[in-house]
Amino acid sequence: MPQIVLECSDNIFERNFSVVFHDIHQILTEHLPTELASCKSRVIRHTDFFIGEGTTNNGFVHLSISVIKGRSTPLLDSIAKIILEKLKVFFSHSLQELKLQITVAIKDLPEVYQKYKN
């Protein structure tokens, strides 16, 4: 069920997100646990953004993961830390060239969540 949304400023250098999504899916499969086929990831690039004082060398990456309710906070925190380390490696070029902020948030899906699977 994990819904994974990576939002980023359009000035980051990395472009092929399938690599990092593969790693994130594996982490979630091993640690949540969840089924690999249930992991759904997407990217939203923001062309309009303003960070700090507004200089063009500021950038951001924010990963939101929504999961079914019931996982403990310590478990989710440990998963977030593992994923943050993966993101730091994946975005290493942008970390060298930009003032880049990388954040990870894991939250529960809403009480009402319906899924159709074909």
PDB file of N, CA and C in Angstrom:
ATOM      1  N   MET A   1       0.778  -1.208   0.000  1.00  0.00           N
ATOM      2  CA  MET A   1       0.000   0.000   0.000  1.00  0.00           C
ATOM      3  C   MET A   1       0.824   1.279   0.000  1.00  0.00           C
ATOM      4  N   PRO A   2       2.099   1.225   0.250  1.00  0.00           N
ATOM      5  CA  PRO A   2       2.822   2.493   0.366  1.00  0.00           C
ATOM      6  C   PRO A   2       2.654   3.381  -0.856  1.00  0.00           C
ATOM      7  N   GLN A   3       2.297   4.620  -0.596  1.00  0.00           N
ATOM      8  CA  GLN A   3       2.214   5.662  -1.614  1.00  0.00           C
ATOM      9  C   GLN A   3       3.431   6.550  -1.409  1.00  0.00           C
ATOM     10  N   ILE A   4       4.313   6.608  -2.394  1.00  0.00           N
ATOM     11  CA  ILE A   4       5.578   7.311  -2.269  1.00  0.00           C
ATOM     12  C   ILE A   4       5.580   8.486  -3.238  1.00  0.00           C
ATOM     13  N   VAL A   5       5.750   9.684  -2.693  1.00  0.00           N
ATOM     14  CA  VAL A   5       5.765  10.888  -3.512  1.00  0.00           C
ATOM     15  C   VAL A   5       7.059  11.639  -3.237  1.00  0.00           C
ATOM     16  N   LEU A   6       7.873  11.792  -4.255  1.00  0.00           N
ATOM     17  CA  LEU A   6       9.100  12.553  -4.144  1.00  0.00           C
ATOM     18  C   LEU A   6       8.874  13.900  -4.813  1.00  0.00           C
ATOM     19  N   GLU A   7       8.951  14.949  -4.021  1.00  0.00           N
ATOM     20  CA  GLU A   7       8.850  16.305  -4.548  1.00  0.00           C
ATOM     21  C   GLU A   7      10.235  16.911  -4.532  1.00  0.00           C
ATOM     22  N   CYS A   8      10.558  17.675  -5.582  1.00  0.00           N
ATOM     23  CA  CYS A   8      11.887  18.270  -5.641  1.00  0.00           C
ATOM     24  C   CYS A   8      11.859  19.570  -6.434  1.00  0.00           C
ATOM     25  N   SER A   9      12.835  20.404  -6.118  1.00  0.00           N
ATOM     26  CA  SER A   9      13.017  21.619  -6.902  1.00  0.00           C
ATOM     27  C   SER A   9      13.567  21.209  -8.267  1.00  0.00           C
ATOM     28  N   ASP A  10      13.223  21.984  -9.273  1.00  0.00           N
ATOM     29  CA  ASP A  10      13.578  21.633 -10.643  1.00  0.00           C
ATOM     30  C   ASP A  10      15.061  21.848 -10.947  1.00  0.00           C
ATOM     31  N   ASN A  11      15.819  22.391  -9.997  1.00  0.00           N
ATOM     32  CA  ASN A  11      17.232  22.647 -10.253  1.00  0.00           C
ATOM     33  C   ASN A  11      18.147  21.497  -9.834  1.00  0.00           C
ATOM     34  N   ILE A  12      17.574  20.399  -9.343  1.00  0.00           N
ATOM     35  CA  ILE A  12      18.435  19.272  -8.980  1.00  0.00           C
ATOM     36  C   ILE A  12      18.969  18.619 -10.257  1.00  0.00           C
ATOM     37  N   PHE A  13      20.103  17.965 -10.148  1.00  0.00           N
ATOM     38  CA  PHE A  13      20.787  17.412 -11.309  1.00  0.00           C
ATOM     39  C   PHE A  13      20.331  15.996 -11.651  1.00  0.00           C
ATOM     40  N   GLU A  14      19.931  15.224 -10.675  1.00  0.00           N
ATOM     41  CA  GLU A  14      19.551  13.829 -10.905  1.00  0.00           C
ATOM     42  C   GLU A  14      18.218  13.756 -11.658  1.00  0.00           C
ATOM     43  N   ARG A  15      18.128  12.794 -12.562  1.00  0.00           N
ATOM     44  CA  ARG A  15      16.926  12.687 -13.395  1.00  0.00           C
ATOM     45  C   ARG A  15      16.306  11.292 -13.427  1.00  0.00           C
ATOM     46  N   ASN A  16      17.067  10.244 -13.282  1.00  0.00           N
ATOM     47  CA  ASN A  16      16.546   8.881 -13.409  1.00  0.00           C
ATOM     48  C   ASN A  16      16.146   8.353 -12.025  1.00  0.00           C
ATOM     49  N   PHE A  17      14.898   8.546 -11.667  1.00  0.00           N
ATOM     50  CA  PHE A  17      14.436   8.210 -10.326  1.00  0.00           C
ATOM     51  C   PHE A  17      14.124   6.734 -10.133  1.00  0.00           C
ATOM     52  N   SER A  18      14.088   5.960 -11.206  1.00  0.00           N
ATOM     53  CA  SER A  18      13.764   4.541 -11.061  1.00  0.00           C
ATOM     54  C   SER A  18      14.779   3.825 -10.167  1.00  0.00           C
ATOM     55  N   VAL A  19      16.023   4.259 -10.191  1.00  0.00           N
ATOM     56  CA  VAL A  19      17.062   3.646  -9.361  1.00  0.00           C
ATOM     57  C   VAL A  19      16.743   3.827  -7.876  1.00  0.00           C
ATOM     58  N   VAL A  20      16.469   5.046  -7.467  1.00  0.00           N
ATOM     59  CA  VAL A  20      16.202   5.304  -6.054  1.00  0.00           C
ATOM     60  C   VAL A  20      14.844   4.727  -5.640  1.00  0.00           C
ATOM     61  N   PHE A  21      13.871   4.739  -6.530  1.00  0.00           N
ATOM     62  CA  PHE A  21      12.578   4.138  -6.195  1.00  0.00           C
ATOM     63  C   PHE A  21      12.728   2.628  -5.993  1.00  0.00           C
ATOM     64  N   HIS A  22      13.539   1.987  -6.797  1.00  0.00           N
ATOM     65  CA  HIS A  22      13.796   0.554  -6.621  1.00  0.00           C
ATOM     66  C   HIS A  22      14.346   0.294  -5.219  1.00  0.00           C
ATOM     67  N   ASP A  23      15.327   1.095  -4.809  1.00  0.00           N
ATOM     68  CA  ASP A  23      15.917   0.935  -3.477  1.00  0.00           C
ATOM     69  C   ASP A  23      14.894   1.178  -2.367  1.00  0.00           C
ATOM     70  N   ILE A  24      14.082   2.207  -2.522  1.00  0.00           N
ATOM     71  CA  ILE A  24      13.066   2.527  -1.513  1.00  0.00           C
ATOM     72  C   ILE A  24      12.046   1.402  -1.412  1.00  0.00           C
ATOM     73  N   HIS A  25      11.621   0.879  -2.542  1.00  0.00           N
ATOM     74  CA  HIS A  25      10.660  -0.238  -2.540  1.00  0.00           C
ATOM     75  C   HIS A  25      11.254  -1.444  -1.804  1.00  0.00           C
ATOM     76  N   GLN A  26      12.534  -1.735  -2.044  1.00  0.00           N
ATOM     77  CA  GLN A  26      13.184  -2.853  -1.365  1.00  0.00           C
ATOM     78  C   GLN A  26      13.241  -2.628   0.149  1.00  0.00           C
ATOM     79  N   ILE A  27      13.575  -1.415   0.552  1.00  0.00           N
ATOM     80  CA  ILE A  27      13.635  -1.085   1.983  1.00  0.00           C
ATOM     81  C   ILE A  27      12.267  -1.278   2.624  1.00  0.00           C
ATOM     82  N   LEU A  28      11.224  -0.781   1.978  1.00  0.00           N
ATOM     83  CA  LEU A  28       9.873  -0.902   2.536  1.00  0.00           C
ATOM     84  C   LEU A  28       9.428  -2.359   2.584  1.00  0.00           C
ATOM     85  N   THR A  29       9.766  -3.127   1.561  1.00  0.00           N
ATOM     86  CA  THR A  29       9.402  -4.542   1.527  1.00  0.00           C
ATOM     87  C   THR A  29      10.061  -5.297   2.682  1.00  0.00           C
ATOM     88  N   GLU A  30      11.301  -4.974   2.959  1.00  0.00           N
ATOM     89  CA  GLU A  30      12.040  -5.666   4.012  1.00  0.00           C
ATOM     90  C   GLU A  30      11.677  -5.205   5.419  1.00  0.00           C
ATOM     91  N   HIS A  31      11.418  -3.922   5.599  1.00  0.00           N
ATOM     92  CA  HIS A  31      11.300  -3.375   6.947  1.00  0.00           C
ATOM     93  C   HIS A  31       9.868  -3.109   7.422  1.00  0.00           C
ATOM     94  N   LEU A  32       8.914  -2.855   6.516  1.00  0.00           N
ATOM     95  CA  LEU A  32       7.559  -2.539   7.004  1.00  0.00           C
ATOM     96  C   LEU A  32       6.875  -3.742   7.648  1.00  0.00           C
ATOM     97  N   PRO A  33       6.721  -4.839   7.091  1.00  0.00           N
ATOM     98  CA  PRO A  33       6.918  -5.260   5.703  1.00  0.00           C
ATOM     99  C   PRO A  33       5.692  -4.930   4.859  1.00  0.00           C
ATOM    100  N   THR A  34       5.879  -5.007   3.542  1.00  0.00           N
ATOM    101  CA  THR A  34       4.789  -4.836   2.592  1.00  0.00           C
ATOM    102  C   THR A  34       5.115  -5.654   1.351  1.00  0.00           C
ATOM    103  N   GLU A  35       4.159  -5.789   0.465  1.00  0.00           N
ATOM    104  CA  GLU A  35       4.401  -6.487  -0.795  1.00  0.00           C
ATOM    105  C   GLU A  35       4.997  -5.508  -1.797  1.00  0.00           C
ATOM    106  N   LEU A  36       5.970  -5.968  -2.548  1.00  0.00           N
ATOM    107  CA  LEU A  36       6.630  -5.125  -3.537  1.00  0.00           C
ATOM    108  C   LEU A  36       5.632  -4.543  -4.534  1.00  0.00           C
ATOM    109  N   ALA A  37       4.676  -5.353  -4.949  1.00  0.00           N
ATOM    110  CA  ALA A  37       3.685  -4.907  -5.943  1.00  0.00           C
ATOM    111  C   ALA A  37       2.785  -3.797  -5.409  1.00  0.00           C
ATOM    112  N   SER A  38       2.755  -3.601  -4.098  1.00  0.00           N
ATOM    113  CA  SER A  38       1.913  -2.564  -3.506  1.00  0.00           C
ATOM    114  C   SER A  38       2.581  -1.192  -3.473  1.00  0.00           C
ATOM    115  N   CYS A  39       3.878  -1.133  -3.691  1.00  0.00           N
ATOM    116  CA  CYS A  39       4.613   0.137  -3.633  1.00  0.00           C
ATOM    117  C   CYS A  39       4.384   0.934  -4.909  1.00  0.00           C
ATOM    118  N   LYS A  40       3.947   2.178  -4.743  1.00  0.00           N
ATOM    119  CA  LYS A  40       3.670   3.050  -5.886  1.00  0.00           C
ATOM    120  C   LYS A  40       4.404   4.378  -5.686  1.00  0.00           C
ATOM    121  N   SER A  41       5.282   4.717  -6.644  1.00  0.00           N
ATOM    122  CA  SER A  41       6.122   5.909  -6.510  1.00  0.00           C
ATOM    123  C   SER A  41       5.935   6.857  -7.675  1.00  0.00           C
ATOM    124  N   ARG A  42       6.113   8.144  -7.384  1.00  0.00           N
ATOM    125  CA  ARG A  42       6.044   9.167  -8.420  1.00  0.00           C
ATOM    126  C   ARG A  42       6.836  10.391  -7.990  1.00  0.00           C
ATOM    127  N   VAL A  43       7.140  11.235  -8.972  1.00  0.00           N
ATOM    128  CA  VAL A  43       7.931  12.442  -8.751  1.00  0.00           C
ATOM    129  C   VAL A  43       7.109  13.656  -9.143  1.00  0.00           C
ATOM    130  N   ILE A  44       7.220  14.686  -8.335  1.00  0.00           N
ATOM    131  CA  ILE A  44       6.634  15.987  -8.669  1.00  0.00           C
ATOM    132  C   ILE A  44       7.777  16.997  -8.638  1.00  0.00           C
ATOM    133  N   ARG A  45       8.086  17.576  -9.791  1.00  0.00           N
ATOM    134  CA  ARG A  45       9.131  18.600  -9.891  1.00  0.00           C
ATOM    135  C   ARG A  45       8.472  19.974  -9.775  1.00  0.00           C
ATOM    136  N   HIS A  46       9.080  20.828  -8.986  1.00  0.00           N
ATOM    137  CA  HIS A  46       8.538  22.171  -8.785  1.00  0.00           C
ATOM    138  C   HIS A  46       9.436  23.186  -9.486  1.00  0.00           C
ATOM    139  N   THR A  47       8.868  23.847 -10.486  1.00  0.00           N
ATOM    140  CA  THR A  47       9.617  24.900 -11.167  1.00  0.00           C
ATOM    141  C   THR A  47       9.538  26.210 -10.400  1.00  0.00           C
ATOM    142  N   ASP A  48       8.467  26.411  -9.671  1.00  0.00           N
ATOM    143  CA  ASP A  48       8.295  27.606  -8.844  1.00  0.00           C
ATOM    144  C   ASP A  48       8.510  27.224  -7.392  1.00  0.00           C
ATOM    145  N   PHE A  49       9.605  27.703  -6.820  1.00  0.00           N
ATOM    146  CA  PHE A  49       9.910  27.436  -5.417  1.00  0.00           C
ATOM    147  C   PHE A  49      10.765  28.574  -4.886  1.00  0.00           C
ATOM    148  N   PHE A  50      10.727  28.752  -3.594  1.00  0.00           N
ATOM    149  CA  PHE A  50      11.499  29.812  -2.938  1.00  0.00           C
ATOM    150  C   PHE A  50      11.987  29.249  -1.614  1.00  0.00           C
ATOM    151  N   ILE A  51      13.293  29.190  -1.439  1.00  0.00           N
ATOM    152  CA  ILE A  51      13.885  28.621  -0.233  1.00  0.00           C
ATOM    153  C   ILE A  51      14.789  29.664   0.402  1.00  0.00           C
ATOM    154  N   GLY A  52      14.661  29.831   1.717  1.00  0.00           N
ATOM    155  CA  GLY A  52      15.535  30.751   2.441  1.00  0.00           C
ATOM    156  C   GLY A  52      15.480  32.151   1.884  1.00  0.00           C
ATOM    157  N   GLU A  53      16.636  32.659   1.498  1.00  0.00           N
ATOM    158  CA  GLU A  53      16.721  34.017   0.972  1.00  0.00           C
ATOM    159  C   GLU A  53      16.392  34.102  -0.516  1.00  0.00           C
ATOM    160  N   GLY A  54      16.095  32.945  -1.128  1.00  0.00           N
ATOM    161  CA  GLY A  54      15.651  32.929  -2.519  1.00  0.00           C
ATOM    162  C   GLY A  54      16.747  32.797  -3.554  1.00  0.00           C
ATOM    163  N   THR A  55      17.977  32.476  -3.158  1.00  0.00           N
ATOM    164  CA  THR A  55      19.037  32.332  -4.156  1.00  0.00           C
ATOM    165  C   THR A  55      18.800  31.090  -5.007  1.00  0.00           C
ATOM    166  N   THR A  56      19.292  31.131  -6.227  1.00  0.00           N
ATOM    167  CA  THR A  56      19.011  30.058  -7.186  1.00  0.00           C
ATOM    168  C   THR A  56      19.783  28.773  -6.896  1.00  0.00           C
ATOM    169  N   ASN A  57      20.761  28.812  -6.002  1.00  0.00           N
ATOM    170  CA  ASN A  57      21.484  27.584  -5.693  1.00  0.00           C
ATOM    171  C   ASN A  57      20.889  26.842  -4.495  1.00  0.00           C
ATOM    172  N   ASN A  58      19.714  27.252  -4.030  1.00  0.00           N
ATOM    173  CA  ASN A  58      18.986  26.510  -3.002  1.00  0.00           C
ATOM    174  C   ASN A  58      18.110  25.471  -3.695  1.00  0.00           C
ATOM    175  N   GLY A  59      18.017  24.293  -3.095  1.00  0.00           N
ATOM    176  CA  GLY A  59      17.174  23.252  -3.654  1.00  0.00           C
ATOM    177  C   GLY A  59      16.602  22.375  -2.555  1.00  0.00           C
ATOM    178  N   PHE A  60      15.615  21.566  -2.923  1.00  0.00           N
ATOM    179  CA  PHE A  60      15.016  20.671  -1.934  1.00  0.00           C
ATOM    180  C   PHE A  60      14.590  19.360  -2.567  1.00  0.00           C
ATOM    181  N   VAL A  61      14.573  18.351  -1.719  1.00  0.00           N
ATOM    182  CA  VAL A  61      13.997  17.043  -2.034  1.00  0.00           C
ATOM    183  C   VAL A  61      13.178  16.667  -0.807  1.00  0.00           C
ATOM    184  N   HIS A  62      11.912  16.366  -1.009  1.00  0.00           N
ATOM    185  CA  HIS A  62      11.064  15.913   0.102  1.00  0.00           C
ATOM    186  C   HIS A  62      10.370  14.632  -0.330  1.00  0.00           C
ATOM    187  N   LEU A  63      10.564  13.584   0.464  1.00  0.00           N
ATOM    188  CA  LEU A  63       9.943  12.296   0.192  1.00  0.00           C
ATOM    189  C   LEU A  63       8.854  12.043   1.221  1.00  0.00           C
ATOM    190  N   SER A  64       7.631  11.860   0.744  1.00  0.00           N
ATOM    191  CA  SER A  64       6.499  11.518   1.608  1.00  0.00           C
ATOM    192  C   SER A  64       6.104  10.075   1.330  1.00  0.00           C
ATOM    193  N   ILE A  65       5.945   9.320   2.397  1.00  0.00           N
ATOM    194  CA  ILE A  65       5.504   7.931   2.268  1.00  0.00           C
ATOM    195  C   ILE A  65       4.267   7.763   3.142  1.00  0.00           C
ATOM    196  N   SER A  66       3.190   7.321   2.536  1.00  0.00           N
ATOM    197  CA  SER A  66       1.960   7.040   3.271  1.00  0.00           C
ATOM    198  C   SER A  66       1.792   5.535   3.371  1.00  0.00           C
ATOM    199  N   VAL A  67       1.568   5.052   4.592  1.00  0.00           N
ATOM    200  CA  VAL A  67       1.455   3.613   4.841  1.00  0.00           C
ATOM    201  C   VAL A  67       0.176   3.326   5.623  1.00  0.00           C
ATOM    202  N   ILE A  68      -0.236   2.065   5.608  1.00  0.00           N
ATOM    203  CA  ILE A  68      -1.400   1.653   6.385  1.00  0.00           C
ATOM    204  C   ILE A  68      -1.102   1.844   7.868  1.00  0.00           C
ATOM    205  N   LYS A  69      -2.086   2.314   8.579  1.00  0.00           N
ATOM    206  CA  LYS A  69      -1.971   2.600  10.003  1.00  0.00           C
ATOM    207  C   LYS A  69      -1.577   1.349  10.797  1.00  0.00           C
ATOM    208  N   GLY A  70      -0.836   1.578  11.874  1.00  0.00           N
ATOM    209  CA  GLY A  70      -0.543   0.473  12.775  1.00  0.00           C
ATOM    210  C   GLY A  70       0.932   0.201  12.996  1.00  0.00           C
ATOM    211  N   ARG A  71       1.813   0.840  12.223  1.00  0.00           N
ATOM    212  CA  ARG A  71       3.247   0.660  12.435  1.00  0.00           C
ATOM    213  C   ARG A  71       3.705   1.558  13.572  1.00  0.00           C
ATOM    214  N   SER A  72       4.665   1.099  14.344  1.00  0.00           N
ATOM    215  CA  SER A  72       5.135   1.881  15.495  1.00  0.00           C
ATOM    216  C   SER A  72       5.991   3.060  15.027  1.00  0.00           C
ATOM    217  N   THR A  73       6.007   4.102  15.844  1.00  0.00           N
ATOM    218  CA  THR A  73       6.834   5.269  15.548  1.00  0.00           C
ATOM    219  C   THR A  73       8.314   4.911  15.477  1.00  0.00           C
ATOM    220  N   PRO A  74       8.851   4.106  16.403  1.00  0.00           N
ATOM    221  CA  PRO A  74      10.271   3.736  16.275  1.00  0.00           C
ATOM    222  C   PRO A  74      10.582   3.002  14.973  1.00  0.00           C
ATOM    223  N   LEU A  75       9.687   2.127  14.518  1.00  0.00           N
ATOM    224  CA  LEU A  75       9.894   1.421  13.255  1.00  0.00           C
ATOM    225  C   LEU A  75       9.933   2.407  12.095  1.00  0.00           C
ATOM    226  N   LEU A  76       8.943   3.300  12.026  1.00  0.00           N
ATOM    227  CA  LEU A  76       8.881   4.273  10.935  1.00  0.00           C
ATOM    228  C   LEU A  76      10.075   5.214  10.968  1.00  0.00           C
ATOM    229  N   ASP A  77      10.513   5.591  12.152  1.00  0.00           N
ATOM    230  CA  ASP A  77      11.679   6.460  12.291  1.00  0.00           C
ATOM    231  C   ASP A  77      12.931   5.764  11.761  1.00  0.00           C
ATOM    232  N   SER A  78      13.093   4.492  12.072  1.00  0.00           N
ATOM    233  CA  SER A  78      14.279   3.775  11.587  1.00  0.00           C
ATOM    234  C   SER A  78      14.245   3.624  10.062  1.00  0.00           C
ATOM    235  N   ILE A  79      13.068   3.387   9.511  1.00  0.00           N
ATOM    236  CA  ILE A  79      12.927   3.296   8.050  1.00  0.00           C
ATOM    237  C   ILE A  79      13.246   4.643   7.403  1.00  0.00           C
ATOM    238  N   ALA A  80      12.751   5.721   7.992  1.00  0.00           N
ATOM    239  CA  ALA A  80      13.014   7.062   7.459  1.00  0.00           C
ATOM    240  C   ALA A  80      14.509   7.358   7.443  1.00  0.00           C
ATOM    241  N   LYS A  81      15.222   6.953   8.477  1.00  0.00           N
ATOM    242  CA  LYS A  81      16.675   7.181   8.534  1.00  0.00           C
ATOM    243  C   LYS A  81      17.407   6.383   7.460  1.00  0.00           C
ATOM    244  N   ILE A  82      17.000   5.144   7.239  1.00  0.00           N
ATOM    245  CA  ILE A  82      17.616   4.311   6.198  1.00  0.00           C
ATOM    246  C   ILE A  82      17.385   4.937   4.822  1.00  0.00           C
ATOM    247  N   ILE A  83      16.150   5.377   4.586  1.00  0.00           N
ATOM    248  CA  ILE A  83      15.815   5.978   3.293  1.00  0.00           C
ATOM    249  C   ILE A  83      16.542   7.308   3.108  1.00  0.00           C
ATOM    250  N   LEU A  84      16.661   8.098   4.157  1.00  0.00           N
ATOM    251  CA  LEU A  84      17.382   9.364   4.063  1.00  0.00           C
ATOM    252  C   LEU A  84      18.827   9.129   3.626  1.00  0.00           C
ATOM    253  N   GLU A  85      19.457   8.098   4.142  1.00  0.00           N
ATOM    254  CA  GLU A  85      20.828   7.777   3.734  1.00  0.00           C
ATOM    255  C   GLU A  85      20.881   7.405   2.244  1.00  0.00           C
ATOM    256  N   LYS A  86      19.901   6.666   1.756  1.00  0.00           N
ATOM    257  CA  LYS A  86      19.838   6.322   0.326  1.00  0.00           C
ATOM    258  C   LYS A  86      19.669   7.576  -0.523  1.00  0.00           C
ATOM    259  N   LEU A  87      18.826   8.493  -0.063  1.00  0.00           N
ATOM    260  CA  LEU A  87      18.596   9.732  -0.804  1.00  0.00           C
ATOM    261  C   LEU A  87      19.863  10.583  -0.860  1.00  0.00           C
ATOM    262  N   LYS A  88      20.616  10.610   0.223  1.00  0.00           N
ATOM    263  CA  LYS A  88      21.863  11.378   0.246  1.00  0.00           C
ATOM    264  C   LYS A  88      22.851  10.841  -0.789  1.00  0.00           C
ATOM    265  N   VAL A  89      22.897   9.537  -0.950  1.00  0.00           N
ATOM    266  CA  VAL A  89      23.772   8.931  -1.955  1.00  0.00           C
ATOM    267  C   VAL A  89      23.248   9.237  -3.351  1.00  0.00           C
ATOM    268  N   PHE A  90      21.951   9.050  -3.564  1.00  0.00           N
ATOM    269  CA  PHE A  90      21.370   9.260  -4.889  1.00  0.00           C
ATOM    270  C   PHE A  90      21.520  10.708  -5.342  1.00  0.00           C
ATOM    271  N   PHE A  91      21.322  11.650  -4.442  1.00  0.00           N
ATOM    272  CA  PHE A  91      21.383  13.074  -4.784  1.00  0.00           C
ATOM    273  C   PHE A  91      22.760  13.680  -4.508  1.00  0.00           C
ATOM    274  N   SER A  92      23.796  12.872  -4.560  1.00  0.00           N
ATOM    275  CA  SER A  92      25.146  13.346  -4.216  1.00  0.00           C
ATOM    276  C   SER A  92      25.622  14.482  -5.125  1.00  0.00           C
ATOM    277  N   HIS A  93      25.308  14.427  -6.409  1.00  0.00           N
ATOM    278  CA  HIS A  93      25.720  15.506  -7.317  1.00  0.00           C
ATOM    279  C   HIS A  93      25.050  16.819  -6.910  1.00  0.00           C
ATOM    280  N   SER A  94      23.766  16.786  -6.659  1.00  0.00           N
ATOM    281  CA  SER A  94      23.051  17.997  -6.238  1.00  0.00           C
ATOM    282  C   SER A  94      23.543  18.492  -4.883  1.00  0.00           C
ATOM    283  N   LEU A  95      23.884  17.564  -3.987  1.00  0.00           N
ATOM    284  CA  LEU A  95      24.425  17.969  -2.678  1.00  0.00           C
ATOM    285  C   LEU A  95      25.753  18.701  -2.836  1.00  0.00           C
ATOM    286  N   GLN A  96      26.533  18.344  -3.842  1.00  0.00           N
ATOM    287  CA  GLN A  96      27.812  19.018  -4.081  1.00  0.00           C
ATOM    288  C   GLN A  96      27.628  20.387  -4.714  1.00  0.00           C
ATOM    289  N   GLU A  97      26.621  20.530  -5.569  1.00  0.00           N
ATOM    290  CA  GLU A  97      26.461  21.746  -6.358  1.00  0.00           C
ATOM    291  C   GLU A  97      25.484  22.759  -5.770  1.00  0.00           C
ATOM    292  N   LEU A  98      24.574  22.317  -4.923  1.00  0.00           N
ATOM    293  CA  LEU A  98      23.499  23.175  -4.409  1.00  0.00           C
ATOM    294  C   LEU A  98      23.510  23.192  -2.885  1.00  0.00           C
ATOM    295  N   LYS A  99      22.820  24.164  -2.333  1.00  0.00           N
ATOM    296  CA  LYS A  99      22.464  24.115  -0.912  1.00  0.00           C
ATOM    297  C   LYS A  99      21.165  23.318  -0.860  1.00  0.00           C
ATOM    298  N   LEU A 100      21.298  22.014  -0.725  1.00  0.00           N
ATOM    299  CA  LEU A 100      20.170  21.099  -0.868  1.00  0.00           C
ATOM    300  C   LEU A 100      19.686  20.618   0.488  1.00  0.00           C
ATOM    301  N   GLN A 101      18.379  20.691   0.697  1.00  0.00           N
ATOM    302  CA  GLN A 101      17.743  20.129   1.881  1.00  0.00           C
ATOM    303  C   GLN A 101      17.009  18.863   1.452  1.00  0.00           C
ATOM    304  N   ILE A 102      17.242  17.774   2.182  1.00  0.00           N
ATOM    305  CA  ILE A 102      16.567  16.503   1.896  1.00  0.00           C
ATOM    306  C   ILE A 102      15.785  16.106   3.141  1.00  0.00           C
ATOM    307  N   THR A 103      14.494  15.850   2.976  1.00  0.00           N
ATOM    308  CA  THR A 103      13.648  15.461   4.098  1.00  0.00           C
ATOM    309  C   THR A 103      12.818  14.233   3.742  1.00  0.00           C
ATOM    310  N   VAL A 104      12.469  13.470   4.786  1.00  0.00           N
ATOM    311  CA  VAL A 104      11.633  12.277   4.629  1.00  0.00           C
ATOM    312  C   VAL A 104      10.537  12.332   5.686  1.00  0.00           C
ATOM    313  N   ALA A 105       9.295  12.105   5.271  1.00  0.00           N
ATOM    314  CA  ALA A 105       8.164  12.041   6.194  1.00  0.00           C
ATOM    315  C   ALA A 105       7.365  10.775   5.904  1.00  0.00           C
ATOM    316  N   ILE A 106       7.114  10.010   6.950  1.00  0.00           N
ATOM    317  CA  ILE A 106       6.277   8.816   6.806  1.00  0.00           C
ATOM    318  C   ILE A 106       5.031   9.037   7.650  1.00  0.00           C
ATOM    319  N   LYS A 107       3.876   8.878   7.025  1.00  0.00           N
ATOM    320  CA  LYS A 107       2.611   9.127   7.725  1.00  0.00           C
ATOM    321  C   LYS A 107       1.622   8.015   7.418  1.00  0.00           C
ATOM    322  N   ASP A 108       0.583   7.961   8.226  1.00  0.00           N
ATOM    323  CA  ASP A 108      -0.480   6.971   8.025  1.00  0.00           C
ATOM    324  C   ASP A 108      -1.418   7.419   6.917  1.00  0.00           C
ATOM    325  N   LEU A 109      -1.906   6.446   6.153  1.00  0.00           N
ATOM    326  CA  LEU A 109      -2.963   6.719   5.191  1.00  0.00           C
ATOM    327  C   LEU A 109      -4.223   7.117   5.956  1.00  0.00           C
ATOM    328  N   PRO A 110      -5.154   7.816   5.310  1.00  0.00           N
ATOM    329  CA  PRO A 110      -6.401   8.185   5.989  1.00  0.00           C
ATOM    330  C   PRO A 110      -7.194   6.957   6.417  1.00  0.00           C
ATOM    331  N   GLU A 111      -8.094   7.150   7.366  1.00  0.00           N
ATOM    332  CA  GLU A 111      -8.955   6.062   7.860  1.00  0.00           C
ATOM    333  C   GLU A 111      -9.694   5.375   6.718  1.00  0.00           C
ATOM    334  N   VAL A 112     -10.179   6.171   5.780  1.00  0.00           N
ATOM    335  CA  VAL A 112     -10.896   5.619   4.633  1.00  0.00           C
ATOM    336  C   VAL A 112      -9.935   5.595   3.454  1.00  0.00           C
ATOM    337  N   TYR A 113      -9.596   4.404   3.019  1.00  0.00           N
ATOM    338  CA  TYR A 113      -8.690   4.204   1.893  1.00  0.00           C
ATOM    339  C   TYR A 113      -9.173   2.976   1.143  1.00  0.00           C
ATOM    340  N   GLN A 114      -9.586   3.162  -0.081  1.00  0.00           N
ATOM    341  CA  GLN A 114     -10.082   2.057  -0.901  1.00  0.00           C
ATOM    342  C   GLN A 114      -9.084   1.764  -2.004  1.00  0.00           C
ATOM    343  N   LYS A 115      -8.966   0.493  -2.359  1.00  0.00           N
ATOM    344  CA  LYS A 115      -8.056   0.099  -3.412  1.00  0.00           C
ATOM    345  C   LYS A 115      -8.741  -0.901  -4.329  1.00  0.00           C
ATOM    346  N   TYR A 116      -8.616  -0.671  -5.615  1.00  0.00           N
ATOM    347  CA  TYR A 116      -9.054  -1.643  -6.602  1.00  0.00           C
ATOM    348  C   TYR A 116      -7.815  -2.200  -7.265  1.00  0.00           C
ATOM    349  N   LYS A 117      -7.745  -3.509  -7.362  1.00  0.00           N
ATOM    350  CA  LYS A 117      -6.583  -4.148  -7.980  1.00  0.00           C
ATOM    351  C   LYS A 117      -7.083  -5.093  -9.056  1.00  0.00           C
ATOM    352  N   ASN A 118      -6.608  -4.895 -10.257  1.00  0.00           N
ATOM    353  CA  ASN A 118      -7.013  -5.715 -11.391  1.00  0.00           C
ATOM    354  C   ASN A 118      -6.080  -6.879 -11.545  1.00  0.00           C
TER     355      ASN A 118
END
